[in-house]
Amino acid sequence: MRFGDCDPSGIAYFPSYLNILNGVVEEFWQRLGFPWTEMIRNRRIGTPTVHLKADFVRPSIFGDTLSFALTATKLGRSSLSLSHGVSAGEEPRWSADQVLVATDLETHSACAWPGDIRAALERFMETK
């Protein structure tokens, strides 16, 4: 946890957690082979979060190194459910369940996952 991610008492500030989580999701798409720059700029596909539930178990403090485990739990026509586990070493800190939806950035409405993206998501789900 960086200094700017913590409140004045040195404890992680939960909006910072969500910003970090967004970075983890962005990296997920990059590793899947579909970086947001390509999806947003060229393919005009967005992946906004439409549902997010977080449970905080223990506080994190300035200097902690957190590990994020991302699991895809359900793939729908246009949705993707993700489960996140966050820990410092062996100690759980927080978890989140998140639902993303594929959207057409011209109409701002849900759209089906394109075939190549769906196939990559299915392969990712099979490896877990």
Foldseek 3Di string as FASTA:
>chain_A
DAPVQDDPVFWGDVVSVVVVVVVVVQVVCVVLVHHPCCCCVPVQKDWDWPDKDKDFDAIDGHPFDKDKDKAFDDDDQFKTKIKIWIARVPHTTMIMIIMIGIARNVVRDGGGDPPVSVVSNVVRNVVD
